[in-house]
């Protein structure tokens, strides 16, 4: 029987992916399918941390624009990530999967404060840990939050679940000639300004030798396939 390639992973899920075809709010069928696969990963002994975006409810810069003070708009985005974290936690618990939500901004009535050692201990005990509020700071995306948490918890890789099946040389929806990469270096992602993670998150991953596997969440089984070592999507790594 195959052993998992990655023993501890940080799964980054965008808020848009959780919204499904509606593109806003929560699609509980999507969340249910994702949670089924996460339970399957845990059964293989994989330790799972999750960072969720909030774009299905609010995107600070995009939605606030020049109509709001940037810091306040970003704080609203952080709250949106907590809504998503609680929704995933609830579905996991319905499936008898132990889970803890930790937030970078303290809200003790509904979640634990983020404490690195406690998060690692939860994962060692087989609990899924969902990290809300990104880094807890404005002007930083949840991509950067994912890279930071992955490095802090000593993850083996970042699993970047998106609405696209990998990294392309251009937007495949606009350019039919766009080439999909099987592997690509951090340097090339930064040089070509490719839409993987933002530059801060990519640089942080590069500096800490953290591989990023980009794949489509449309088929949630892809999470399991990546964990078990199948070559799908695009891997961003060093030369």
Foldseek 3Di string as FASTA:
>chain_A
DFAWPWQEEEEEEEQQQQCPPVSADGDVVLLLLLLVLVVVCLVSNHFYEYEYWQRNYADQCVVCPVVDDSFVSLQVRLVSRVVVVVSSCVSNVVVVAAEFEEECDDDPVPHHHDDLVVSLVCRNVRYYYYYTSQNVGTPDGNLLSSLVSCLSSVTQAYEYADQAAAWWLDPCVVDVPIDGALEEELVVCVVSVTPDPDNNSSVSCQVSQHKYFYGYSVPSNVVVCVRSPHRTYYIYGHD
